[in-house]
């Protein structure tokens, strides 16, 4: 006979250890989700930047972008070696890239010309490669699942990838501008320059406008970055995503040159790209510049939201 039966008292239930994890009604232990700190997010962004800019593909793209102003400057130098002027049209169109006829008089114009020459194809192509590979490249390499381990999260990872792509937009544009300024100062004289409106401004002010133009060109690519990121969420092949993004860029630019589509062309993300030339007017014309930046913001919002909707509901298998 047990001790409880002898005394007539009911046994006292054992006290659970204080360290035992509380359980829910279903018997599963509950865990408090970890919230990543801002420092952790900054660390993730820094890691993505290092990974992106250490790739040979990224370095090759930047090298090509840096070479374009060098080739352009040497070509203009050879053409004007007999004292003639370079053949080219102004930003209004006709004859070649904007400002090319002014390069021999002032090397600073090579910055504007190089940006006008690279913006239609080279710069957006480079952005398309980086953005298209952002998610699809991780998936094809089999590393996407590891990046999504808590506390990363899909939204946080997508924002980090987009921020990295935007950083590349800025770096790529500055590479073109700095390369053009360097070779322009080496091959041609520098000094005061004349605006499109026919007024003279100092070299310091011209340098400031060159920097502002570079920033506007970088901002003109945020729509392309969002488009490429969206395409990257649709496939698990990095090569397919990059090829699709670049193909869309070429298609849009071809459509933007067809006169019969003039009613649709103001809605193409590339339509106002060359409006940065209005920053070389006195006073500055802001209408097309504002339209360009507003259009890029719309594209970023639409395709950024589409990328988020797709990525947060996508089954990750690699």
C-alpha atoms as a PDB file:
ATOM      1  CA  UNK A   1       0.000   0.000   0.000  1.00  0.00           C
ATOM      2  CA  UNK A   2       1.353   3.394  -0.980  1.00  0.00           C
ATOM      3  CA  UNK A   3       2.094   6.190   1.382  1.00  0.00           C
ATOM      4  CA  UNK A   4      -0.703   8.338   0.003  1.00  0.00           C
ATOM      5  CA  UNK A   5      -3.222   5.575   0.523  1.00  0.00           C
ATOM      6  CA  UNK A   6      -2.055   5.081   4.124  1.00  0.00           C
ATOM      7  CA  UNK A   7      -2.402   8.729   5.099  1.00  0.00           C
ATOM      8  CA  UNK A   8      -5.541   9.362   3.047  1.00  0.00           C
ATOM      9  CA  UNK A   9      -4.055  12.386   1.319  1.00  0.00           C
ATOM     10  CA  UNK A  10      -3.722  12.974  -2.424  1.00  0.00           C
ATOM     11  CA  UNK A  11      -0.230  13.079  -3.874  1.00  0.00           C
ATOM     12  CA  UNK A  12       1.228  16.524  -4.616  1.00  0.00           C
ATOM     13  CA  UNK A  13       1.967  17.028  -8.372  1.00  0.00           C
ATOM     14  CA  UNK A  14       5.603  17.674  -9.164  1.00  0.00           C
ATOM     15  CA  UNK A  15       6.627  21.301  -9.773  1.00  0.00           C
ATOM     16  CA  UNK A  16       7.913  21.871 -13.339  1.00  0.00           C
ATOM     17  CA  UNK A  17      11.437  23.228 -13.634  1.00  0.00           C
ATOM     18  CA  UNK A  18      11.594  26.999 -14.000  1.00  0.00           C
ATOM     19  CA  UNK A  19      13.753  26.710 -17.080  1.00  0.00           C
ATOM     20  CA  UNK A  20      11.288  24.581 -19.039  1.00  0.00           C
ATOM     21  CA  UNK A  21      10.017  26.230 -22.228  1.00  0.00           C
ATOM     22  CA  UNK A  22       6.304  27.155 -22.073  1.00  0.00           C
ATOM     23  CA  UNK A  23       4.110  25.201 -24.442  1.00  0.00           C
ATOM     24  CA  UNK A  24       1.063  26.100 -26.432  1.00  0.00           C
ATOM     25  CA  UNK A  25      -2.218  24.208 -26.497  1.00  0.00           C
ATOM     26  CA  UNK A  26      -0.897  22.022 -29.320  1.00  0.00           C
ATOM     27  CA  UNK A  27       2.058  20.907 -27.247  1.00  0.00           C
ATOM     28  CA  UNK A  28       4.672  22.725 -29.360  1.00  0.00           C
ATOM     29  CA  UNK A  29       7.214  24.949 -27.750  1.00  0.00           C
ATOM     30  CA  UNK A  30       6.758  28.634 -28.532  1.00  0.00           C
ATOM     31  CA  UNK A  31       9.678  30.731 -29.665  1.00  0.00           C
ATOM     32  CA  UNK A  32       9.974  34.471 -29.650  1.00  0.00           C
ATOM     33  CA  UNK A  33      10.911  35.599 -33.179  1.00  0.00           C
ATOM     34  CA  UNK A  34      14.181  37.376 -33.435  1.00  0.00           C
ATOM     35  CA  UNK A  35      14.077  40.902 -34.775  1.00  0.00           C
ATOM     36  CA  UNK A  36      17.205  41.837 -36.714  1.00  0.00           C
ATOM     37  CA  UNK A  37      18.898  44.987 -35.532  1.00  0.00           C
ATOM     38  CA  UNK A  38      19.733  47.906 -37.838  1.00  0.00           C
ATOM     39  CA  UNK A  39      23.406  47.040 -37.429  1.00  0.00           C
ATOM     40  CA  UNK A  40      22.687  43.550 -38.726  1.00  0.00           C
ATOM     41  CA  UNK A  41      20.915  45.040 -41.766  1.00  0.00           C
ATOM     42  CA  UNK A  42      23.892  47.300 -42.401  1.00  0.00           C
ATOM     43  CA  UNK A  43      26.178  44.295 -42.161  1.00  0.00           C
ATOM     44  CA  UNK A  44      24.064  42.439 -44.732  1.00  0.00           C
ATOM     45  CA  UNK A  45      24.182  45.433 -47.083  1.00  0.00           C
ATOM     46  CA  UNK A  46      27.944  45.727 -46.674  1.00  0.00           C
ATOM     47  CA  UNK A  47      28.339  42.007 -47.376  1.00  0.00           C
ATOM     48  CA  UNK A  48      26.265  42.318 -50.560  1.00  0.00           C
ATOM     49  CA  UNK A  49      28.334  45.286 -51.722  1.00  0.00           C
ATOM     50  CA  UNK A  50      31.600  43.439 -51.176  1.00  0.00           C
ATOM     51  CA  UNK A  51      30.298  40.343 -52.936  1.00  0.00           C
ATOM     52  CA  UNK A  52      28.991  42.316 -55.915  1.00  0.00           C
ATOM     53  CA  UNK A  53      32.034  44.509 -56.472  1.00  0.00           C
ATOM     54  CA  UNK A  54      34.508  41.651 -56.054  1.00  0.00           C
ATOM     55  CA  UNK A  55      33.029  39.655 -58.911  1.00  0.00           C
ATOM     56  CA  UNK A  56      35.027  39.605 -62.118  1.00  0.00           C
ATOM     57  CA  UNK A  57      31.848  40.299 -64.085  1.00  0.00           C
ATOM     58  CA  UNK A  58      31.255  43.537 -62.187  1.00  0.00           C
ATOM     59  CA  UNK A  59      34.868  44.649 -62.596  1.00  0.00           C
ATOM     60  CA  UNK A  60      34.714  43.870 -66.323  1.00  0.00           C
ATOM     61  CA  UNK A  61      31.551  45.970 -66.708  1.00  0.00           C
ATOM     62  CA  UNK A  62      33.161  48.916 -64.926  1.00  0.00           C
ATOM     63  CA  UNK A  63      36.284  48.550 -67.067  1.00  0.00           C
ATOM     64  CA  UNK A  64      34.219  48.705 -70.257  1.00  0.00           C
ATOM     65  CA  UNK A  65      32.378  51.778 -68.988  1.00  0.00           C
ATOM     66  CA  UNK A  66      35.686  53.468 -68.126  1.00  0.00           C
ATOM     67  CA  UNK A  67      37.079  52.642 -71.572  1.00  0.00           C
ATOM     68  CA  UNK A  68      34.248  54.309 -73.509  1.00  0.00           C
ATOM     69  CA  UNK A  69      35.283  57.921 -72.635  1.00  0.00           C
ATOM     70  CA  UNK A  70      38.927  57.056 -73.359  1.00  0.00           C
ATOM     71  CA  UNK A  71      38.113  55.747 -76.838  1.00  0.00           C
ATOM     72  CA  UNK A  72      35.803  58.700 -77.474  1.00  0.00           C
ATOM     73  CA  UNK A  73      38.402  61.238 -76.339  1.00  0.00           C
ATOM     74  CA  UNK A  74      41.174  59.693 -78.450  1.00  0.00           C
ATOM     75  CA  UNK A  75      38.867  59.598 -81.489  1.00  0.00           C
ATOM     76  CA  UNK A  76      38.022  63.286 -81.110  1.00  0.00           C
ATOM     77  CA  UNK A  77      41.700  64.151 -80.580  1.00  0.00           C
ATOM     78  CA  UNK A  78      42.689  62.354 -83.783  1.00  0.00           C
ATOM     79  CA  UNK A  79      39.857  63.951 -85.743  1.00  0.00           C
ATOM     80  CA  UNK A  80      40.760  67.463 -84.572  1.00  0.00           C
ATOM     81  CA  UNK A  81      44.525  67.058 -84.849  1.00  0.00           C
ATOM     82  CA  UNK A  82      44.532  69.150 -88.062  1.00  0.00           C
ATOM     83  CA  UNK A  83      42.736  72.010 -86.312  1.00  0.00           C
ATOM     84  CA  UNK A  84      39.229  71.180 -87.532  1.00  0.00           C
ATOM     85  CA  UNK A  85      36.238  70.848 -85.246  1.00  0.00           C
ATOM     86  CA  UNK A  86      34.757  67.525 -84.226  1.00  0.00           C
ATOM     87  CA  UNK A  87      31.656  66.612 -86.174  1.00  0.00           C
ATOM     88  CA  UNK A  88      28.622  66.286 -83.968  1.00  0.00           C
ATOM     89  CA  UNK A  89      25.324  67.777 -83.031  1.00  0.00           C
ATOM     90  CA  UNK A  90      24.168  69.461 -79.897  1.00  0.00           C
ATOM     91  CA  UNK A  91      21.771  67.983 -77.417  1.00  0.00           C
ATOM     92  CA  UNK A  92      18.918  68.987 -79.658  1.00  0.00           C
ATOM     93  CA  UNK A  93      19.884  66.038 -81.877  1.00  0.00           C
ATOM     94  CA  UNK A  94      21.677  65.291 -85.108  1.00  0.00           C
ATOM     95  CA  UNK A  95      25.235  64.381 -85.933  1.00  0.00           C
ATOM     96  CA  UNK A  96      26.355  62.487 -82.844  1.00  0.00           C
ATOM     97  CA  UNK A  97      26.397  62.544 -79.055  1.00  0.00           C
ATOM     98  CA  UNK A  98      25.551  65.785 -77.312  1.00  0.00           C
ATOM     99  CA  UNK A  99      28.358  68.341 -76.827  1.00  0.00           C
ATOM    100  CA  UNK A 100      30.829  66.406 -79.010  1.00  0.00           C
ATOM    101  CA  UNK A 101      31.618  69.468 -81.131  1.00  0.00           C
ATOM    102  CA  UNK A 102      32.746  71.346 -77.992  1.00  0.00           C
ATOM    103  CA  UNK A 103      35.204  68.775 -76.658  1.00  0.00           C
ATOM    104  CA  UNK A 104      38.241  70.154 -78.481  1.00  0.00           C
ATOM    105  CA  UNK A 105      37.634  73.569 -76.885  1.00  0.00           C
ATOM    106  CA  UNK A 106      37.098  72.293 -73.345  1.00  0.00           C
ATOM    107  CA  UNK A 107      37.822  68.818 -72.000  1.00  0.00           C
ATOM    108  CA  UNK A 108      34.976  69.092 -69.505  1.00  0.00           C
ATOM    109  CA  UNK A 109      32.527  68.590 -72.366  1.00  0.00           C
ATOM    110  CA  UNK A 110      33.864  65.050 -72.700  1.00  0.00           C
ATOM    111  CA  UNK A 111      32.065  64.242 -69.428  1.00  0.00           C
ATOM    112  CA  UNK A 112      28.712  65.303 -70.868  1.00  0.00           C
ATOM    113  CA  UNK A 113      29.401  63.546 -74.176  1.00  0.00           C
ATOM    114  CA  UNK A 114      30.508  60.306 -72.521  1.00  0.00           C
ATOM    115  CA  UNK A 115      27.380  60.184 -70.365  1.00  0.00           C
ATOM    116  CA  UNK A 116      25.207  60.865 -73.424  1.00  0.00           C
ATOM    117  CA  UNK A 117      27.016  58.109 -75.342  1.00  0.00           C
ATOM    118  CA  UNK A 118      26.816  55.457 -72.605  1.00  0.00           C
ATOM    119  CA  UNK A 119      23.309  56.164 -71.297  1.00  0.00           C
ATOM    120  CA  UNK A 120      21.321  54.662 -74.192  1.00  0.00           C
ATOM    121  CA  UNK A 121      23.042  51.245 -74.058  1.00  0.00           C
ATOM    122  CA  UNK A 122      26.204  50.666 -72.008  1.00  0.00           C
ATOM    123  CA  UNK A 123      24.998  51.955 -68.635  1.00  0.00           C
ATOM    124  CA  UNK A 124      21.534  50.334 -68.698  1.00  0.00           C
ATOM    125  CA  UNK A 125      23.057  47.087 -69.992  1.00  0.00           C
ATOM    126  CA  UNK A 126      25.434  46.990 -67.027  1.00  0.00           C
ATOM    127  CA  UNK A 127      22.583  47.742 -64.616  1.00  0.00           C
ATOM    128  CA  UNK A 128      20.452  45.060 -66.265  1.00  0.00           C
ATOM    129  CA  UNK A 129      23.176  42.469 -65.740  1.00  0.00           C
ATOM    130  CA  UNK A 130      23.596  43.300 -62.047  1.00  0.00           C
ATOM    131  CA  UNK A 131      19.857  43.583 -61.321  1.00  0.00           C
ATOM    132  CA  UNK A 132      18.934  40.503 -63.337  1.00  0.00           C
ATOM    133  CA  UNK A 133      21.455  38.399 -61.441  1.00  0.00           C
ATOM    134  CA  UNK A 134      20.450  39.707 -57.997  1.00  0.00           C
ATOM    135  CA  UNK A 135      17.966  36.970 -57.034  1.00  0.00           C
ATOM    136  CA  UNK A 136      18.161  34.509 -59.925  1.00  0.00           C
ATOM    137  CA  UNK A 137      21.931  34.271 -59.603  1.00  0.00           C
ATOM    138  CA  UNK A 138      21.670  33.281 -55.948  1.00  0.00           C
ATOM    139  CA  UNK A 139      19.004  30.727 -56.822  1.00  0.00           C
ATOM    140  CA  UNK A 140      21.042  29.135 -59.619  1.00  0.00           C
ATOM    141  CA  UNK A 141      24.105  29.010 -57.343  1.00  0.00           C
ATOM    142  CA  UNK A 142      22.079  27.286 -54.619  1.00  0.00           C
ATOM    143  CA  UNK A 143      22.762  29.983 -52.013  1.00  0.00           C
ATOM    144  CA  UNK A 144      19.349  31.654 -51.857  1.00  0.00           C
ATOM    145  CA  UNK A 145      17.989  29.357 -49.134  1.00  0.00           C
ATOM    146  CA  UNK A 146      20.943  30.142 -46.894  1.00  0.00           C
ATOM    147  CA  UNK A 147      20.456  33.888 -47.361  1.00  0.00           C
ATOM    148  CA  UNK A 148      16.833  33.568 -46.263  1.00  0.00           C
ATOM    149  CA  UNK A 149      17.707  31.972 -42.928  1.00  0.00           C
ATOM    150  CA  UNK A 150      16.358  34.111 -40.037  1.00  0.00           C
ATOM    151  CA  UNK A 151      16.759  36.908 -39.299  1.00  0.00           C
ATOM    152  CA  UNK A 152      17.264  37.883 -42.949  1.00  0.00           C
ATOM    153  CA  UNK A 153      13.734  37.545 -44.274  1.00  0.00           C
ATOM    154  CA  UNK A 154      12.634  37.902 -47.875  1.00  0.00           C
ATOM    155  CA  UNK A 155      11.639  41.567 -47.751  1.00  0.00           C
ATOM    156  CA  UNK A 156      14.879  42.581 -46.082  1.00  0.00           C
ATOM    157  CA  UNK A 157      16.943  40.582 -48.573  1.00  0.00           C
ATOM    158  CA  UNK A 158      15.058  42.051 -51.545  1.00  0.00           C
ATOM    159  CA  UNK A 159      15.578  45.617 -50.270  1.00  0.00           C
ATOM    160  CA  UNK A 160      19.261  44.882 -49.725  1.00  0.00           C
ATOM    161  CA  UNK A 161      19.612  43.570 -53.276  1.00  0.00           C
ATOM    162  CA  UNK A 162      17.866  46.647 -54.679  1.00  0.00           C
ATOM    163  CA  UNK A 163      20.009  49.016 -52.592  1.00  0.00           C
ATOM    164  CA  UNK A 164      23.113  47.231 -53.865  1.00  0.00           C
ATOM    165  CA  UNK A 165      21.933  47.629 -57.458  1.00  0.00           C
ATOM    166  CA  UNK A 166      21.258  51.344 -56.923  1.00  0.00           C
ATOM    167  CA  UNK A 167      24.736  51.722 -55.471  1.00  0.00           C
ATOM    168  CA  UNK A 168      26.129  50.128 -58.611  1.00  0.00           C
ATOM    169  CA  UNK A 169      24.103  52.635 -60.681  1.00  0.00           C
ATOM    170  CA  UNK A 170      25.864  55.485 -58.902  1.00  0.00           C
ATOM    171  CA  UNK A 171      29.317  53.896 -59.030  1.00  0.00           C
ATOM    172  CA  UNK A 172      29.002  53.032 -62.731  1.00  0.00           C
ATOM    173  CA  UNK A 173      27.927  56.572 -63.613  1.00  0.00           C
ATOM    174  CA  UNK A 174      30.753  58.115 -61.593  1.00  0.00           C
ATOM    175  CA  UNK A 175      33.253  55.767 -63.266  1.00  0.00           C
ATOM    176  CA  UNK A 176      32.195  57.111 -66.667  1.00  0.00           C
ATOM    177  CA  UNK A 177      32.297  60.735 -65.471  1.00  0.00           C
ATOM    178  CA  UNK A 178      35.687  60.454 -63.720  1.00  0.00           C
ATOM    179  CA  UNK A 179      37.247  58.592 -66.643  1.00  0.00           C
ATOM    180  CA  UNK A 180      35.935  61.232 -69.058  1.00  0.00           C
ATOM    181  CA  UNK A 181      37.183  64.097 -66.888  1.00  0.00           C
ATOM    182  CA  UNK A 182      40.624  62.519 -66.562  1.00  0.00           C
ATOM    183  CA  UNK A 183      41.138  61.842 -70.267  1.00  0.00           C
ATOM    184  CA  UNK A 184      39.524  65.182 -71.159  1.00  0.00           C
ATOM    185  CA  UNK A 185      41.969  67.075 -68.940  1.00  0.00           C
ATOM    186  CA  UNK A 186      44.852  65.099 -70.429  1.00  0.00           C
ATOM    187  CA  UNK A 187      43.975  65.610 -74.108  1.00  0.00           C
ATOM    188  CA  UNK A 188      42.174  68.961 -74.179  1.00  0.00           C
ATOM    189  CA  UNK A 189      42.326  72.351 -72.459  1.00  0.00           C
ATOM    190  CA  UNK A 190      40.161  73.174 -69.461  1.00  0.00           C
ATOM    191  CA  UNK A 191      38.623  76.464 -68.466  1.00  0.00           C
ATOM    192  CA  UNK A 192      35.438  78.486 -68.596  1.00  0.00           C
ATOM    193  CA  UNK A 193      32.745  76.939 -70.762  1.00  0.00           C
ATOM    194  CA  UNK A 194      29.717  78.067 -72.686  1.00  0.00           C
ATOM    195  CA  UNK A 195      26.250  76.713 -71.904  1.00  0.00           C
ATOM    196  CA  UNK A 196      23.683  75.683 -74.500  1.00  0.00           C
ATOM    197  CA  UNK A 197      22.037  79.064 -73.991  1.00  0.00           C
ATOM    198  CA  UNK A 198      25.219  80.843 -75.041  1.00  0.00           C
ATOM    199  CA  UNK A 199      26.231  82.194 -71.624  1.00  0.00           C
ATOM    200  CA  UNK A 200      29.642  81.609 -70.064  1.00  0.00           C
ATOM    201  CA  UNK A 201      30.134  79.926 -66.699  1.00  0.00           C
ATOM    202  CA  UNK A 202      33.289  79.294 -64.717  1.00  0.00           C
ATOM    203  CA  UNK A 203      35.098  75.961 -64.716  1.00  0.00           C
ATOM    204  CA  UNK A 204      34.155  75.435 -61.061  1.00  0.00           C
ATOM    205  CA  UNK A 205      30.468  75.901 -61.810  1.00  0.00           C
ATOM    206  CA  UNK A 206      30.800  73.670 -64.847  1.00  0.00           C
ATOM    207  CA  UNK A 207      32.382  70.994 -62.677  1.00  0.00           C
ATOM    208  CA  UNK A 208      29.481  71.273 -60.250  1.00  0.00           C
ATOM    209  CA  UNK A 209      26.998  70.872 -63.067  1.00  0.00           C
ATOM    210  CA  UNK A 210      28.923  67.852 -64.327  1.00  0.00           C
ATOM    211  CA  UNK A 211      28.529  66.242 -60.902  1.00  0.00           C
ATOM    212  CA  UNK A 212      24.820  67.114 -60.847  1.00  0.00           C
ATOM    213  CA  UNK A 213      24.394  65.621 -64.319  1.00  0.00           C
ATOM    214  CA  UNK A 214      26.115  62.415 -63.184  1.00  0.00           C
ATOM    215  CA  UNK A 215      23.696  62.159 -60.246  1.00  0.00           C
ATOM    216  CA  UNK A 216      20.702  62.719 -62.540  1.00  0.00           C
ATOM    217  CA  UNK A 217      21.971  60.023 -64.920  1.00  0.00           C
ATOM    218  CA  UNK A 218      22.342  57.606 -61.993  1.00  0.00           C
ATOM    219  CA  UNK A 219      18.791  58.438 -60.851  1.00  0.00           C
ATOM    220  CA  UNK A 220      17.556  57.837 -64.397  1.00  0.00           C
ATOM    221  CA  UNK A 221      18.497  54.170 -64.016  1.00  0.00           C
ATOM    222  CA  UNK A 222      16.440  53.314 -60.932  1.00  0.00           C
ATOM    223  CA  UNK A 223      13.522  52.211 -63.116  1.00  0.00           C
ATOM    224  CA  UNK A 224      15.795  49.804 -65.011  1.00  0.00           C
ATOM    225  CA  UNK A 225      17.101  48.469 -61.694  1.00  0.00           C
ATOM    226  CA  UNK A 226      13.565  47.747 -60.456  1.00  0.00           C
ATOM    227  CA  UNK A 227      12.620  46.102 -63.754  1.00  0.00           C
ATOM    228  CA  UNK A 228      15.699  43.877 -63.653  1.00  0.00           C
ATOM    229  CA  UNK A 229      15.022  42.921 -60.044  1.00  0.00           C
ATOM    230  CA  UNK A 230      11.466  41.908 -60.921  1.00  0.00           C
ATOM    231  CA  UNK A 231      12.671  39.760 -63.823  1.00  0.00           C
ATOM    232  CA  UNK A 232      15.208  38.198 -61.473  1.00  0.00           C
ATOM    233  CA  UNK A 233      12.396  36.945 -59.206  1.00  0.00           C
ATOM    234  CA  UNK A 234      10.645  35.190 -62.097  1.00  0.00           C
ATOM    235  CA  UNK A 235      13.345  32.627 -62.861  1.00  0.00           C
ATOM    236  CA  UNK A 236      16.005  30.526 -61.190  1.00  0.00           C
ATOM    237  CA  UNK A 237      18.525  31.084 -63.977  1.00  0.00           C
ATOM    238  CA  UNK A 238      20.803  34.083 -63.636  1.00  0.00           C
ATOM    239  CA  UNK A 239      21.770  34.016 -67.317  1.00  0.00           C
ATOM    240  CA  UNK A 240      18.111  33.952 -68.392  1.00  0.00           C
ATOM    241  CA  UNK A 241      17.260  36.874 -66.098  1.00  0.00           C
ATOM    242  CA  UNK A 242      20.177  38.975 -67.370  1.00  0.00           C
ATOM    243  CA  UNK A 243      19.400  38.198 -71.020  1.00  0.00           C
ATOM    244  CA  UNK A 244      15.697  38.985 -70.554  1.00  0.00           C
ATOM    245  CA  UNK A 245      16.412  42.300 -68.842  1.00  0.00           C
ATOM    246  CA  UNK A 246      18.893  43.424 -71.509  1.00  0.00           C
ATOM    247  CA  UNK A 247      16.480  42.282 -74.231  1.00  0.00           C
ATOM    248  CA  UNK A 248      13.685  44.372 -72.717  1.00  0.00           C
ATOM    249  CA  UNK A 249      15.993  47.389 -72.601  1.00  0.00           C
ATOM    250  CA  UNK A 250      16.850  47.070 -76.279  1.00  0.00           C
ATOM    251  CA  UNK A 251      13.201  46.525 -77.233  1.00  0.00           C
ATOM    252  CA  UNK A 252      11.993  49.592 -75.332  1.00  0.00           C
ATOM    253  CA  UNK A 253      14.670  51.763 -76.917  1.00  0.00           C
ATOM    254  CA  UNK A 254      13.720  50.566 -80.403  1.00  0.00           C
ATOM    255  CA  UNK A 255      10.055  51.291 -79.718  1.00  0.00           C
ATOM    256  CA  UNK A 256      11.021  54.742 -78.464  1.00  0.00           C
ATOM    257  CA  UNK A 257      12.374  55.564 -81.941  1.00  0.00           C
ATOM    258  CA  UNK A 258       9.272  54.568 -83.932  1.00  0.00           C
ATOM    259  CA  UNK A 259       7.305  57.719 -84.862  1.00  0.00           C
ATOM    260  CA  UNK A 260       3.983  55.870 -84.987  1.00  0.00           C
ATOM    261  CA  UNK A 261       4.259  55.190 -81.244  1.00  0.00           C
ATOM    262  CA  UNK A 262       4.668  58.837 -80.242  1.00  0.00           C
ATOM    263  CA  UNK A 263       1.579  58.655 -77.996  1.00  0.00           C
ATOM    264  CA  UNK A 264       3.143  55.875 -75.907  1.00  0.00           C
ATOM    265  CA  UNK A 265       6.744  57.030 -75.922  1.00  0.00           C
ATOM    266  CA  UNK A 266       6.452  59.517 -73.020  1.00  0.00           C
ATOM    267  CA  UNK A 267       5.675  56.505 -70.798  1.00  0.00           C
ATOM    268  CA  UNK A 268       8.817  54.570 -71.765  1.00  0.00           C
ATOM    269  CA  UNK A 269      11.457  54.743 -69.034  1.00  0.00           C
ATOM    270  CA  UNK A 270      14.126  55.762 -71.563  1.00  0.00           C
ATOM    271  CA  UNK A 271      12.195  58.597 -73.205  1.00  0.00           C
ATOM    272  CA  UNK A 272      13.553  61.440 -71.047  1.00  0.00           C
ATOM    273  CA  UNK A 273      17.019  60.030 -70.366  1.00  0.00           C
ATOM    274  CA  UNK A 274      18.863  62.709 -72.343  1.00  0.00           C
ATOM    275  CA  UNK A 275      16.973  65.509 -70.592  1.00  0.00           C
ATOM    276  CA  UNK A 276      20.051  65.944 -68.377  1.00  0.00           C
ATOM    277  CA  UNK A 277      21.373  68.238 -71.135  1.00  0.00           C
ATOM    278  CA  UNK A 278      18.890  70.852 -69.864  1.00  0.00           C
ATOM    279  CA  UNK A 279      21.159  71.278 -66.840  1.00  0.00           C
ATOM    280  CA  UNK A 280      23.599  72.999 -69.217  1.00  0.00           C
ATOM    281  CA  UNK A 281      21.107  75.725 -70.022  1.00  0.00           C
ATOM    282  CA  UNK A 282      20.938  79.130 -68.375  1.00  0.00           C
ATOM    283  CA  UNK A 283      18.454  79.170 -66.773  1.00  0.00           C
ATOM    284  CA  UNK A 284      18.004  75.429 -66.301  1.00  0.00           C
ATOM    285  CA  UNK A 285      14.952  73.840 -67.944  1.00  0.00           C
ATOM    286  CA  UNK A 286      13.330  71.637 -65.308  1.00  0.00           C
ATOM    287  CA  UNK A 287      10.225  70.320 -67.101  1.00  0.00           C
ATOM    288  CA  UNK A 288      11.702  67.233 -68.775  1.00  0.00           C
ATOM    289  CA  UNK A 289      14.042  66.621 -65.841  1.00  0.00           C
ATOM    290  CA  UNK A 290      11.112  66.452 -63.438  1.00  0.00           C
ATOM    291  CA  UNK A 291       9.182  64.207 -65.852  1.00  0.00           C
ATOM    292  CA  UNK A 292      12.177  61.886 -66.100  1.00  0.00           C
ATOM    293  CA  UNK A 293      12.678  61.554 -62.346  1.00  0.00           C
ATOM    294  CA  UNK A 294       8.940  61.158 -61.751  1.00  0.00           C
ATOM    295  CA  UNK A 295       8.717  58.434 -64.404  1.00  0.00           C
ATOM    296  CA  UNK A 296      11.644  56.564 -62.844  1.00  0.00           C
ATOM    297  CA  UNK A 297       9.937  56.738 -59.440  1.00  0.00           C
ATOM    298  CA  UNK A 298       6.756  55.247 -60.940  1.00  0.00           C
ATOM    299  CA  UNK A 299       8.683  52.396 -62.564  1.00  0.00           C
ATOM    300  CA  UNK A 300      10.563  51.768 -59.317  1.00  0.00           C
ATOM    301  CA  UNK A 301       7.301  51.649 -57.342  1.00  0.00           C
ATOM    302  CA  UNK A 302       5.444  49.417 -59.821  1.00  0.00           C
ATOM    303  CA  UNK A 303       8.174  46.884 -60.550  1.00  0.00           C
ATOM    304  CA  UNK A 304       9.533  47.042 -57.003  1.00  0.00           C
ATOM    305  CA  UNK A 305       6.094  46.115 -55.673  1.00  0.00           C
ATOM    306  CA  UNK A 306       5.768  43.373 -58.278  1.00  0.00           C
ATOM    307  CA  UNK A 307       9.163  41.981 -57.302  1.00  0.00           C
ATOM    308  CA  UNK A 308       8.180  42.012 -53.619  1.00  0.00           C
ATOM    309  CA  UNK A 309       4.834  40.300 -54.315  1.00  0.00           C
ATOM    310  CA  UNK A 310       6.531  37.622 -56.393  1.00  0.00           C
ATOM    311  CA  UNK A 311       9.509  37.014 -54.125  1.00  0.00           C
ATOM    312  CA  UNK A 312       7.571  36.840 -50.850  1.00  0.00           C
ATOM    313  CA  UNK A 313       5.236  34.149 -52.252  1.00  0.00           C
ATOM    314  CA  UNK A 314       7.758  32.219 -54.298  1.00  0.00           C
ATOM    315  CA  UNK A 315       8.712  28.651 -53.392  1.00  0.00           C
ATOM    316  CA  UNK A 316      12.453  28.592 -52.766  1.00  0.00           C
ATOM    317  CA  UNK A 317      13.916  25.270 -53.899  1.00  0.00           C
ATOM    318  CA  UNK A 318      17.557  26.212 -54.227  1.00  0.00           C
END
